[in-house]
């Protein structure tokens, strides 16, 4: 888990319970473990642009709820962006084709 994940989470949910952070990070990492090429694009769009990719956001939210039941299933757009960011970050921690694609997408967006 990234050491600043609490602060990322706190930007959208005031004073999050510390006990939920590790399970949520792990859920985001697992939900983004083996993304397809289109999921990589959708994940980046979700991270970078509010309201982007509503179909992917719905699927991603459902996957997170299954992996971490305390994740709110509705009205969670900003928290979903935080979780997508955690998923992207977790993918960037190791060398892989997915990490390369995400890095190139972030570089292109910059």
PDB file of N, CA and C in Angstrom:
ATOM      1  N   UNK A   1       0.848  -1.182   0.000  1.00  0.00           N
ATOM      2  CA  UNK A   1       0.000   0.000   0.000  1.00  0.00           C
ATOM      3  C   UNK A   1       0.886   1.235   0.000  1.00  0.00           C
ATOM      4  N   UNK A   2       0.499   2.205  -0.789  1.00  0.00           N
ATOM      5  CA  UNK A   2       1.238   3.458  -0.848  1.00  0.00           C
ATOM      6  C   UNK A   2       1.110   4.179   0.495  1.00  0.00           C
ATOM      7  N   UNK A   3       2.197   4.769   1.004  1.00  0.00           N
ATOM      8  CA  UNK A   3       2.129   5.420   2.313  1.00  0.00           C
ATOM      9  C   UNK A   3       1.161   6.605   2.372  1.00  0.00           C
ATOM     10  N   UNK A   4       0.823   7.194   1.237  1.00  0.00           N
ATOM     11  CA  UNK A   4      -0.102   8.330   1.236  1.00  0.00           C
ATOM     12  C   UNK A   4      -1.531   7.949   0.867  1.00  0.00           C
ATOM     13  N   UNK A   5      -1.825   6.660   0.806  1.00  0.00           N
ATOM     14  CA  UNK A   5      -3.168   6.234   0.429  1.00  0.00           C
ATOM     15  C   UNK A   5      -4.216   6.794   1.387  1.00  0.00           C
ATOM     16  N   UNK A   6      -3.890   6.897   2.657  1.00  0.00           N
ATOM     17  CA  UNK A   6      -4.827   7.492   3.616  1.00  0.00           C
ATOM     18  C   UNK A   6      -5.219   8.886   3.158  1.00  0.00           C
ATOM     19  N   UNK A   7      -4.255   9.667   2.723  1.00  0.00           N
ATOM     20  CA  UNK A   7      -4.517  11.048   2.310  1.00  0.00           C
ATOM     21  C   UNK A   7      -5.301  11.097   0.998  1.00  0.00           C
ATOM     22  N   UNK A   8      -5.009  10.174   0.090  1.00  0.00           N
ATOM     23  CA  UNK A   8      -5.795  10.103  -1.153  1.00  0.00           C
ATOM     24  C   UNK A   8      -7.249   9.826  -0.800  1.00  0.00           C
ATOM     25  N   UNK A   9      -7.432   8.866   0.083  1.00  0.00           N
ATOM     26  CA  UNK A   9      -8.768   8.442   0.489  1.00  0.00           C
ATOM     27  C   UNK A   9      -9.475   9.552   1.257  1.00  0.00           C
ATOM     28  N   UNK A  10      -8.736  10.249   2.098  1.00  0.00           N
ATOM     29  CA  UNK A  10      -9.317  11.303   2.926  1.00  0.00           C
ATOM     30  C   UNK A  10      -9.808  12.488   2.090  1.00  0.00           C
ATOM     31  N   UNK A  11      -9.309  12.636   0.871  1.00  0.00           N
ATOM     32  CA  UNK A  11      -9.769  13.735   0.010  1.00  0.00           C
ATOM     33  C   UNK A  11     -11.234  13.548  -0.394  1.00  0.00           C
ATOM     34  N   UNK A  12     -11.718  12.329  -0.396  1.00  0.00           N
ATOM     35  CA  UNK A  12     -13.092  12.065  -0.819  1.00  0.00           C
ATOM     36  C   UNK A  12     -13.980  11.502   0.293  1.00  0.00           C
ATOM     37  N   UNK A  13     -13.377  11.036   1.359  1.00  0.00           N
ATOM     38  CA  UNK A  13     -14.148  10.499   2.479  1.00  0.00           C
ATOM     39  C   UNK A  13     -13.483  10.986   3.758  1.00  0.00           C
ATOM     40  N   UNK A  14     -14.129  11.921   4.438  1.00  0.00           N
ATOM     41  CA  UNK A  14     -13.521  12.505   5.627  1.00  0.00           C
ATOM     42  C   UNK A  14     -13.223  11.450   6.680  1.00  0.00           C
ATOM     43  N   UNK A  15     -12.029  11.510   7.184  1.00  0.00           N
ATOM     44  CA  UNK A  15     -11.558  10.609   8.234  1.00  0.00           C
ATOM     45  C   UNK A  15     -11.920   9.143   7.967  1.00  0.00           C
ATOM     46  N   UNK A  16     -11.340   8.570   6.944  1.00  0.00           N
ATOM     47  CA  UNK A  16     -11.630   7.152   6.683  1.00  0.00           C
ATOM     48  C   UNK A  16     -11.080   6.274   7.800  1.00  0.00           C
ATOM     49  N   UNK A  17     -11.748   5.172   8.026  1.00  0.00           N
ATOM     50  CA  UNK A  17     -11.266   4.225   9.024  1.00  0.00           C
ATOM     51  C   UNK A  17      -9.973   3.600   8.515  1.00  0.00           C
ATOM     52  N   UNK A  18      -8.961   3.630   9.327  1.00  0.00           N
ATOM     53  CA  UNK A  18      -7.660   3.102   8.935  1.00  0.00           C
ATOM     54  C   UNK A  18      -7.746   1.606   8.646  1.00  0.00           C
ATOM     55  N   UNK A  19      -8.618   0.908   9.331  1.00  0.00           N
ATOM     56  CA  UNK A  19      -8.727  -0.540   9.152  1.00  0.00           C
ATOM     57  C   UNK A  19      -9.240  -0.939   7.763  1.00  0.00           C
ATOM     58  N   UNK A  20      -9.920  -0.038   7.050  1.00  0.00           N
ATOM     59  CA  UNK A  20     -10.437  -0.395   5.721  1.00  0.00           C
ATOM     60  C   UNK A  20      -9.440  -0.103   4.612  1.00  0.00           C
ATOM     61  N   UNK A  21      -8.383   0.639   4.913  1.00  0.00           N
ATOM     62  CA  UNK A  21      -7.478   1.073   3.854  1.00  0.00           C
ATOM     63  C   UNK A  21      -6.722  -0.077   3.193  1.00  0.00           C
ATOM     64  N   UNK A  22      -6.144  -0.946   3.972  1.00  0.00           N
ATOM     65  CA  UNK A  22      -5.394  -2.078   3.404  1.00  0.00           C
ATOM     66  C   UNK A  22      -6.295  -2.985   2.570  1.00  0.00           C
ATOM     67  N   UNK A  23      -7.486  -3.375   3.075  1.00  0.00           N
ATOM     68  CA  UNK A  23      -8.364  -4.196   2.238  1.00  0.00           C
ATOM     69  C   UNK A  23      -8.800  -3.482   0.954  1.00  0.00           C
ATOM     70  N   UNK A  24      -9.020  -2.184   1.033  1.00  0.00           N
ATOM     71  CA  UNK A  24      -9.413  -1.450  -0.174  1.00  0.00           C
ATOM     72  C   UNK A  24      -8.267  -1.375  -1.172  1.00  0.00           C
ATOM     73  N   UNK A  25      -7.061  -1.143  -0.671  1.00  0.00           N
ATOM     74  CA  UNK A  25      -5.899  -1.119  -1.573  1.00  0.00           C
ATOM     75  C   UNK A  25      -5.756  -2.476  -2.263  1.00  0.00           C
ATOM     76  N   UNK A  26      -5.855  -3.535  -1.476  1.00  0.00           N
ATOM     77  CA  UNK A  26      -5.731  -4.886  -2.033  1.00  0.00           C
ATOM     78  C   UNK A  26      -6.834  -5.186  -3.042  1.00  0.00           C
ATOM     79  N   UNK A  27      -8.046  -4.704  -2.773  1.00  0.00           N
ATOM     80  CA  UNK A  27      -9.155  -4.899  -3.710  1.00  0.00           C
ATOM     81  C   UNK A  27      -8.881  -4.165  -5.019  1.00  0.00           C
ATOM     82  N   UNK A  28      -8.376  -2.949  -4.941  1.00  0.00           N
ATOM     83  CA  UNK A  28      -8.058  -2.190  -6.155  1.00  0.00           C
ATOM     84  C   UNK A  28      -6.960  -2.890  -6.945  1.00  0.00           C
ATOM     85  N   UNK A  29      -5.953  -3.401  -6.248  1.00  0.00           N
ATOM     86  CA  UNK A  29      -4.866  -4.106  -6.923  1.00  0.00           C
ATOM     87  C   UNK A  29      -5.373  -5.380  -7.593  1.00  0.00           C
ATOM     88  N   UNK A  30      -6.236  -6.109  -6.902  1.00  0.00           N
ATOM     89  CA  UNK A  30      -6.750  -7.356  -7.466  1.00  0.00           C
ATOM     90  C   UNK A  30      -7.706  -7.093  -8.630  1.00  0.00           C
ATOM     91  N   UNK A  31      -8.511  -6.041  -8.528  1.00  0.00           N
ATOM     92  CA  UNK A  31      -9.469  -5.716  -9.584  1.00  0.00           C
ATOM     93  C   UNK A  31      -8.781  -5.255 -10.864  1.00  0.00           C
ATOM     94  N   UNK A  32      -7.558  -4.790 -10.747  1.00  0.00           N
ATOM     95  CA  UNK A  32      -6.806  -4.320 -11.916  1.00  0.00           C
ATOM     96  C   UNK A  32      -5.639  -5.239 -12.244  1.00  0.00           C
ATOM     97  N   UNK A  33      -5.662  -6.447 -11.725  1.00  0.00           N
ATOM     98  CA  UNK A  33      -4.520  -7.356 -11.847  1.00  0.00           C
ATOM     99  C   UNK A  33      -4.163  -7.711 -13.280  1.00  0.00           C
ATOM    100  N   UNK A  34      -5.103  -8.147 -14.075  1.00  0.00           N
ATOM    101  CA  UNK A  34      -4.835  -8.530 -15.460  1.00  0.00           C
ATOM    102  C   UNK A  34      -5.823  -7.825 -16.382  1.00  0.00           C
ATOM    103  N   UNK A  35      -5.657  -6.521 -16.566  1.00  0.00           N
ATOM    104  CA  UNK A  35      -6.621  -5.789 -17.401  1.00  0.00           C
ATOM    105  C   UNK A  35      -6.409  -6.059 -18.889  1.00  0.00           C
ATOM    106  N   UNK A  36      -7.483  -5.994 -19.632  1.00  0.00           N
ATOM    107  CA  UNK A  36      -7.388  -6.089 -21.089  1.00  0.00           C
ATOM    108  C   UNK A  36      -6.883  -4.748 -21.622  1.00  0.00           C
ATOM    109  N   UNK A  37      -6.572  -4.699 -22.897  1.00  0.00           N
ATOM    110  CA  UNK A  37      -6.098  -3.452 -23.498  1.00  0.00           C
ATOM    111  C   UNK A  37      -7.156  -2.357 -23.373  1.00  0.00           C
ATOM    112  N   UNK A  38      -8.409  -2.691 -23.591  1.00  0.00           N
ATOM    113  CA  UNK A  38      -9.460  -1.680 -23.462  1.00  0.00           C
ATOM    114  C   UNK A  38      -9.658  -1.270 -22.009  1.00  0.00           C
ATOM    115  N   UNK A  39      -9.473  -2.212 -21.068  1.00  0.00           N
ATOM    116  CA  UNK A  39      -9.584  -1.867 -19.649  1.00  0.00           C
ATOM    117  C   UNK A  39      -8.461  -0.928 -19.211  1.00  0.00           C
ATOM    118  N   UNK A  40      -7.289  -1.077 -19.798  1.00  0.00           N
ATOM    119  CA  UNK A  40      -6.178  -0.169 -19.482  1.00  0.00           C
ATOM    120  C   UNK A  40      -6.552   1.251 -19.884  1.00  0.00           C
ATOM    121  N   UNK A  41      -7.080   1.396 -21.083  1.00  0.00           N
ATOM    122  CA  UNK A  41      -7.508   2.726 -21.555  1.00  0.00           C
ATOM    123  C   UNK A  41      -8.615   3.284 -20.663  1.00  0.00           C
ATOM    124  N   UNK A  42      -9.590   2.451 -20.352  1.00  0.00           N
ATOM    125  CA  UNK A  42     -10.709   2.888 -19.510  1.00  0.00           C
ATOM    126  C   UNK A  42     -10.241   3.247 -18.106  1.00  0.00           C
ATOM    127  N   UNK A  43      -9.324   2.483 -17.571  1.00  0.00           N
ATOM    128  CA  UNK A  43      -8.782   2.747 -16.241  1.00  0.00           C
ATOM    129  C   UNK A  43      -8.085   4.103 -16.211  1.00  0.00           C
ATOM    130  N   UNK A  44      -7.273   4.369 -17.221  1.00  0.00           N
ATOM    131  CA  UNK A  44      -6.601   5.669 -17.293  1.00  0.00           C
ATOM    132  C   UNK A  44      -7.601   6.810 -17.442  1.00  0.00           C
ATOM    133  N   UNK A  45      -8.603   6.614 -18.257  1.00  0.00           N
ATOM    134  CA  UNK A  45      -9.629   7.653 -18.427  1.00  0.00           C
ATOM    135  C   UNK A  45     -10.350   7.919 -17.110  1.00  0.00           C
ATOM    136  N   UNK A  46     -10.644   6.866 -16.368  1.00  0.00           N
ATOM    137  CA  UNK A  46     -11.321   7.011 -15.075  1.00  0.00           C
ATOM    138  C   UNK A  46     -10.449   7.772 -14.087  1.00  0.00           C
ATOM    139  N   UNK A  47      -9.162   7.482 -14.078  1.00  0.00           N
ATOM    140  CA  UNK A  47      -8.235   8.161 -13.172  1.00  0.00           C
ATOM    141  C   UNK A  47      -8.119   9.641 -13.521  1.00  0.00           C
ATOM    142  N   UNK A  48      -7.997   9.933 -14.792  1.00  0.00           N
ATOM    143  CA  UNK A  48      -7.656  11.290 -15.222  1.00  0.00           C
ATOM    144  C   UNK A  48      -8.832  12.229 -15.436  1.00  0.00           C
ATOM    145  N   UNK A  49      -9.982  11.696 -15.793  1.00  0.00           N
ATOM    146  CA  UNK A  49     -11.097  12.556 -16.187  1.00  0.00           C
ATOM    147  C   UNK A  49     -12.377  12.179 -15.445  1.00  0.00           C
ATOM    148  N   UNK A  50     -12.859  13.054 -14.579  1.00  0.00           N
ATOM    149  CA  UNK A  50     -14.094  12.764 -13.828  1.00  0.00           C
ATOM    150  C   UNK A  50     -15.266  12.489 -14.771  1.00  0.00           C
ATOM    151  N   UNK A  51     -16.022  11.460 -14.475  1.00  0.00           N
ATOM    152  CA  UNK A  51     -17.196  11.116 -15.258  1.00  0.00           C
ATOM    153  C   UNK A  51     -16.925  10.329 -16.519  1.00  0.00           C
ATOM    154  N   UNK A  52     -15.661  10.065 -16.791  1.00  0.00           N
ATOM    155  CA  UNK A  52     -15.316   9.316 -18.002  1.00  0.00           C
ATOM    156  C   UNK A  52     -15.602   7.832 -17.800  1.00  0.00           C
ATOM    157  N   UNK A  53     -15.868   7.152 -18.896  1.00  0.00           N
ATOM    158  CA  UNK A  53     -16.026   5.696 -18.913  1.00  0.00           C
ATOM    159  C   UNK A  53     -17.073   5.185 -17.921  1.00  0.00           C
ATOM    160  N   UNK A  54     -18.339   5.590 -18.061  1.00  0.00           N
ATOM    161  CA  UNK A  54     -19.358   5.155 -17.097  1.00  0.00           C
ATOM    162  C   UNK A  54     -19.586   3.639 -17.084  1.00  0.00           C
ATOM    163  N   UNK A  55     -19.475   2.988 -18.236  1.00  0.00           N
ATOM    164  CA  UNK A  55     -19.670   1.529 -18.259  1.00  0.00           C
ATOM    165  C   UNK A  55     -18.551   0.814 -17.510  1.00  0.00           C
ATOM    166  N   UNK A  56     -17.311   1.234 -17.764  1.00  0.00           N
ATOM    167  CA  UNK A  56     -16.184   0.640 -17.053  1.00  0.00           C
ATOM    168  C   UNK A  56     -16.280   0.954 -15.562  1.00  0.00           C
ATOM    169  N   UNK A  57     -16.657   2.185 -15.235  1.00  0.00           N
ATOM    170  CA  UNK A  57     -16.776   2.582 -13.822  1.00  0.00           C
ATOM    171  C   UNK A  57     -17.771   1.690 -13.093  1.00  0.00           C
ATOM    172  N   UNK A  58     -18.869   1.364 -13.751  1.00  0.00           N
ATOM    173  CA  UNK A  58     -19.873   0.495 -13.127  1.00  0.00           C
ATOM    174  C   UNK A  58     -19.298  -0.902 -12.888  1.00  0.00           C
ATOM    175  N   UNK A  59     -18.619  -1.461 -13.903  1.00  0.00           N
ATOM    176  CA  UNK A  59     -18.015  -2.797 -13.755  1.00  0.00           C
ATOM    177  C   UNK A  59     -16.929  -2.792 -12.683  1.00  0.00           C
ATOM    178  N   UNK A  60     -16.115  -1.741 -12.673  1.00  0.00           N
ATOM    179  CA  UNK A  60     -15.032  -1.630 -11.696  1.00  0.00           C
ATOM    180  C   UNK A  60     -15.603  -1.513 -10.288  1.00  0.00           C
ATOM    181  N   UNK A  61     -16.648  -0.715 -10.126  1.00  0.00           N
ATOM    182  CA  UNK A  61     -17.298  -0.565  -8.828  1.00  0.00           C
ATOM    183  C   UNK A  61     -17.869  -1.895  -8.340  1.00  0.00           C
ATOM    184  N   UNK A  62     -18.523  -2.629  -9.234  1.00  0.00           N
ATOM    185  CA  UNK A  62     -19.082  -3.937  -8.864  1.00  0.00           C
ATOM    186  C   UNK A  62     -17.981  -4.908  -8.450  1.00  0.00           C
ATOM    187  N   UNK A  63     -16.858  -4.875  -9.160  1.00  0.00           N
ATOM    188  CA  UNK A  63     -15.733  -5.755  -8.808  1.00  0.00           C
ATOM    189  C   UNK A  63     -15.178  -5.382  -7.438  1.00  0.00           C
ATOM    190  N   UNK A  64     -15.084  -4.088  -7.163  1.00  0.00           N
ATOM    191  CA  UNK A  64     -14.571  -3.652  -5.861  1.00  0.00           C
ATOM    192  C   UNK A  64     -15.501  -4.059  -4.729  1.00  0.00           C
ATOM    193  N   UNK A  65     -16.800  -3.934  -4.942  1.00  0.00           N
ATOM    194  CA  UNK A  65     -17.770  -4.314  -3.908  1.00  0.00           C
ATOM    195  C   UNK A  65     -17.663  -5.806  -3.605  1.00  0.00           C
ATOM    196  N   UNK A  66     -17.454  -6.628  -4.640  1.00  0.00           N
ATOM    197  CA  UNK A  66     -17.302  -8.070  -4.424  1.00  0.00           C
ATOM    198  C   UNK A  66     -16.027  -8.383  -3.646  1.00  0.00           C
ATOM    199  N   UNK A  67     -14.954  -7.647  -3.938  1.00  0.00           N
ATOM    200  CA  UNK A  67     -13.671  -7.902  -3.278  1.00  0.00           C
ATOM    201  C   UNK A  67     -13.576  -7.257  -1.896  1.00  0.00           C
ATOM    202  N   UNK A  68     -14.275  -6.149  -1.708  1.00  0.00           N
ATOM    203  CA  UNK A  68     -14.210  -5.412  -0.448  1.00  0.00           C
ATOM    204  C   UNK A  68     -15.618  -4.900  -0.133  1.00  0.00           C
ATOM    205  N   UNK A  69     -16.399  -5.661   0.630  1.00  0.00           N
ATOM    206  CA  UNK A  69     -17.818  -5.365   0.834  1.00  0.00           C
ATOM    207  C   UNK A  69     -18.136  -4.009   1.475  1.00  0.00           C
ATOM    208  N   UNK A  70     -17.193  -3.366   2.139  1.00  0.00           N
ATOM    209  CA  UNK A  70     -17.502  -2.060   2.729  1.00  0.00           C
ATOM    210  C   UNK A  70     -17.418  -0.928   1.712  1.00  0.00           C
ATOM    211  N   UNK A  71     -16.951  -1.225   0.507  1.00  0.00           N
ATOM    212  CA  UNK A  71     -16.879  -0.181  -0.523  1.00  0.00           C
ATOM    213  C   UNK A  71     -18.300   0.197  -0.922  1.00  0.00           C
ATOM    214  N   UNK A  72     -18.620   1.502  -0.932  1.00  0.00           N
ATOM    215  CA  UNK A  72     -19.997   1.906  -1.253  1.00  0.00           C
ATOM    216  C   UNK A  72     -20.337   1.615  -2.723  1.00  0.00           C
ATOM    217  N   UNK A  73     -21.450   0.925  -2.975  1.00  0.00           N
ATOM    218  CA  UNK A  73     -21.786   0.556  -4.352  1.00  0.00           C
ATOM    219  C   UNK A  73     -22.370   1.696  -5.184  1.00  0.00           C
ATOM    220  N   UNK A  74     -22.905   2.724  -4.542  1.00  0.00           N
ATOM    221  CA  UNK A  74     -23.557   3.817  -5.263  1.00  0.00           C
ATOM    222  C   UNK A  74     -22.968   5.171  -4.853  1.00  0.00           C
ATOM    223  N   UNK A  75     -23.119   6.143  -5.741  1.00  0.00           N
ATOM    224  CA  UNK A  75     -22.679   7.520  -5.471  1.00  0.00           C
ATOM    225  C   UNK A  75     -21.229   7.546  -4.998  1.00  0.00           C
ATOM    226  N   UNK A  76     -20.377   6.895  -5.764  1.00  0.00           N
ATOM    227  CA  UNK A  76     -18.990   6.717  -5.343  1.00  0.00           C
ATOM    228  C   UNK A  76     -17.983   7.195  -6.394  1.00  0.00           C
ATOM    229  N   UNK A  77     -18.369   8.138  -7.247  1.00  0.00           N
ATOM    230  CA  UNK A  77     -17.547   8.516  -8.401  1.00  0.00           C
ATOM    231  C   UNK A  77     -16.136   8.956  -7.997  1.00  0.00           C
ATOM    232  N   UNK A  78     -16.019   9.819  -7.018  1.00  0.00           N
ATOM    233  CA  UNK A  78     -14.688  10.307  -6.627  1.00  0.00           C
ATOM    234  C   UNK A  78     -13.885   9.229  -5.907  1.00  0.00           C
ATOM    235  N   UNK A  79     -14.559   8.464  -5.063  1.00  0.00           N
ATOM    236  CA  UNK A  79     -13.873   7.368  -4.382  1.00  0.00           C
ATOM    237  C   UNK A  79     -13.441   6.308  -5.388  1.00  0.00           C
ATOM    238  N   UNK A  80     -14.230   6.115  -6.421  1.00  0.00           N
ATOM    239  CA  UNK A  80     -13.870   5.168  -7.474  1.00  0.00           C
ATOM    240  C   UNK A  80     -12.618   5.634  -8.209  1.00  0.00           C
ATOM    241  N   UNK A  81     -12.474   6.935  -8.407  1.00  0.00           N
ATOM    242  CA  UNK A  81     -11.260   7.470  -9.033  1.00  0.00           C
ATOM    243  C   UNK A  81     -10.042   7.209  -8.147  1.00  0.00           C
ATOM    244  N   UNK A  82     -10.208   7.340  -6.839  1.00  0.00           N
ATOM    245  CA  UNK A  82      -9.111   7.051  -5.910  1.00  0.00           C
ATOM    246  C   UNK A  82      -8.727   5.574  -6.005  1.00  0.00           C
ATOM    247  N   UNK A  83      -9.724   4.714  -6.083  1.00  0.00           N
ATOM    248  CA  UNK A  83      -9.448   3.280  -6.168  1.00  0.00           C
ATOM    249  C   UNK A  83      -8.795   2.926  -7.502  1.00  0.00           C
ATOM    250  N   UNK A  84      -9.221   3.589  -8.570  1.00  0.00           N
ATOM    251  CA  UNK A  84      -8.592   3.358  -9.876  1.00  0.00           C
ATOM    252  C   UNK A  84      -7.135   3.807  -9.834  1.00  0.00           C
ATOM    253  N   UNK A  85      -6.876   4.912  -9.157  1.00  0.00           N
ATOM    254  CA  UNK A  85      -5.500   5.393  -9.012  1.00  0.00           C
ATOM    255  C   UNK A  85      -4.668   4.386  -8.220  1.00  0.00           C
ATOM    256  N   UNK A  86      -5.251   3.827  -7.179  1.00  0.00           N
ATOM    257  CA  UNK A  86      -4.544   2.798  -6.407  1.00  0.00           C
ATOM    258  C   UNK A  86      -4.254   1.585  -7.282  1.00  0.00           C
ATOM    259  N   UNK A  87      -5.209   1.200  -8.113  1.00  0.00           N
ATOM    260  CA  UNK A  87      -4.993   0.075  -9.016  1.00  0.00           C
ATOM    261  C   UNK A  87      -3.884   0.348 -10.017  1.00  0.00           C
ATOM    262  N   UNK A  88      -3.873   1.550 -10.581  1.00  0.00           N
ATOM    263  CA  UNK A  88      -2.812   1.930 -11.521  1.00  0.00           C
ATOM    264  C   UNK A  88      -1.468   1.924 -10.810  1.00  0.00           C
ATOM    265  N   UNK A  89      -1.416   2.521  -9.635  1.00  0.00           N
ATOM    266  CA  UNK A  89      -0.163   2.575  -8.886  1.00  0.00           C
ATOM    267  C   UNK A  89       0.344   1.169  -8.571  1.00  0.00           C
ATOM    268  N   UNK A  90      -0.557   0.291  -8.182  1.00  0.00           N
ATOM    269  CA  UNK A  90      -0.129  -1.072  -7.846  1.00  0.00           C
ATOM    270  C   UNK A  90       0.422  -1.789  -9.082  1.00  0.00           C
ATOM    271  N   UNK A  91      -0.111  -1.494 -10.253  1.00  0.00           N
ATOM    272  CA  UNK A  91       0.400  -2.093 -11.489  1.00  0.00           C
ATOM    273  C   UNK A  91       1.774  -1.546 -11.852  1.00  0.00           C
ATOM    274  N   UNK A  92       2.033  -0.302 -11.488  1.00  0.00           N
ATOM    275  CA  UNK A  92       3.304   0.336 -11.824  1.00  0.00           C
ATOM    276  C   UNK A  92       4.451  -0.094 -10.904  1.00  0.00           C
ATOM    277  N   UNK A  93       4.133  -0.829  -9.851  1.00  0.00           N
ATOM    278  CA  UNK A  93       5.159  -1.254  -8.906  1.00  0.00           C
ATOM    279  C   UNK A  93       6.096  -2.325  -9.457  1.00  0.00           C
ATOM    280  N   UNK A  94       5.683  -3.013 -10.506  1.00  0.00           N
ATOM    281  CA  UNK A  94       6.508  -4.087 -11.077  1.00  0.00           C
ATOM    282  C   UNK A  94       6.594  -3.917 -12.592  1.00  0.00           C
ATOM    283  N   UNK A  95       7.672  -4.407 -13.161  1.00  0.00           N
ATOM    284  CA  UNK A  95       7.842  -4.357 -14.606  1.00  0.00           C
ATOM    285  C   UNK A  95       6.856  -5.308 -15.281  1.00  0.00           C
ATOM    286  N   UNK A  96       6.120  -4.803 -16.262  1.00  0.00           N
ATOM    287  CA  UNK A  96       5.207  -5.632 -17.035  1.00  0.00           C
ATOM    288  C   UNK A  96       4.739  -4.840 -18.249  1.00  0.00           C
ATOM    289  N   UNK A  97       4.112  -5.543 -19.178  1.00  0.00           N
ATOM    290  CA  UNK A  97       3.543  -4.863 -20.329  1.00  0.00           C
ATOM    291  C   UNK A  97       2.416  -3.925 -19.907  1.00  0.00           C
ATOM    292  N   UNK A  98       1.649  -4.329 -18.906  1.00  0.00           N
ATOM    293  CA  UNK A  98       0.572  -3.479 -18.394  1.00  0.00           C
ATOM    294  C   UNK A  98       1.161  -2.200 -17.794  1.00  0.00           C
ATOM    295  N   UNK A  99       2.221  -2.335 -17.011  1.00  0.00           N
ATOM    296  CA  UNK A  99       2.863  -1.153 -16.427  1.00  0.00           C
ATOM    297  C   UNK A  99       3.381  -0.231 -17.518  1.00  0.00           C
ATOM    298  N   UNK A 100       3.974  -0.799 -18.556  1.00  0.00           N
ATOM    299  CA  UNK A 100       4.460   0.022 -19.672  1.00  0.00           C
ATOM    300  C   UNK A 100       3.315   0.765 -20.348  1.00  0.00           C
ATOM    301  N   UNK A 101       2.210   0.072 -20.588  1.00  0.00           N
ATOM    302  CA  UNK A 101       1.056   0.697 -21.243  1.00  0.00           C
ATOM    303  C   UNK A 101       0.483   1.819 -20.380  1.00  0.00           C
ATOM    304  N   UNK A 102       0.378   1.574 -19.082  1.00  0.00           N
ATOM    305  CA  UNK A 102      -0.128   2.609 -18.177  1.00  0.00           C
ATOM    306  C   UNK A 102       0.809   3.809 -18.135  1.00  0.00           C
ATOM    307  N   UNK A 103       2.107   3.547 -18.060  1.00  0.00           N
ATOM    308  CA  UNK A 103       3.081   4.639 -18.023  1.00  0.00           C
ATOM    309  C   UNK A 103       3.033   5.467 -19.310  1.00  0.00           C
ATOM    310  N   UNK A 104       2.925   4.780 -20.445  1.00  0.00           N
ATOM    311  CA  UNK A 104       2.833   5.500 -21.715  1.00  0.00           C
ATOM    312  C   UNK A 104       1.551   6.322 -21.786  1.00  0.00           C
ATOM    313  N   UNK A 105       0.449   5.759 -21.284  1.00  0.00           N
ATOM    314  CA  UNK A 105      -0.809   6.500 -21.259  1.00  0.00           C
ATOM    315  C   UNK A 105      -0.732   7.727 -20.375  1.00  0.00           C
ATOM    316  N   UNK A 106      -0.117   7.600 -19.213  1.00  0.00           N
ATOM    317  CA  UNK A 106       0.053   8.749 -18.324  1.00  0.00           C
ATOM    318  C   UNK A 106       0.965   9.802 -18.939  1.00  0.00           C
ATOM    319  N   UNK A 107       1.999   9.335 -19.601  1.00  0.00           N
ATOM    320  CA  UNK A 107       2.936  10.256 -20.262  1.00  0.00           C
ATOM    321  C   UNK A 107       2.222  10.995 -21.393  1.00  0.00           C
ATOM    322  N   UNK A 108       1.428  10.289 -22.160  1.00  0.00           N
ATOM    323  CA  UNK A 108       0.684  10.906 -23.260  1.00  0.00           C
ATOM    324  C   UNK A 108      -0.324  11.922 -22.727  1.00  0.00           C
ATOM    325  N   UNK A 109      -0.963  11.616 -21.614  1.00  0.00           N
ATOM    326  CA  UNK A 109      -1.947  12.525 -21.040  1.00  0.00           C
ATOM    327  C   UNK A 109      -1.278  13.797 -20.498  1.00  0.00           C
ATOM    328  N   UNK A 110      -0.046  13.642 -20.038  1.00  0.00           N
ATOM    329  CA  UNK A 110       0.674  14.812 -19.505  1.00  0.00           C
ATOM    330  C   UNK A 110       1.032  15.766 -20.637  1.00  0.00           C
TER     331      UNK A 110
END
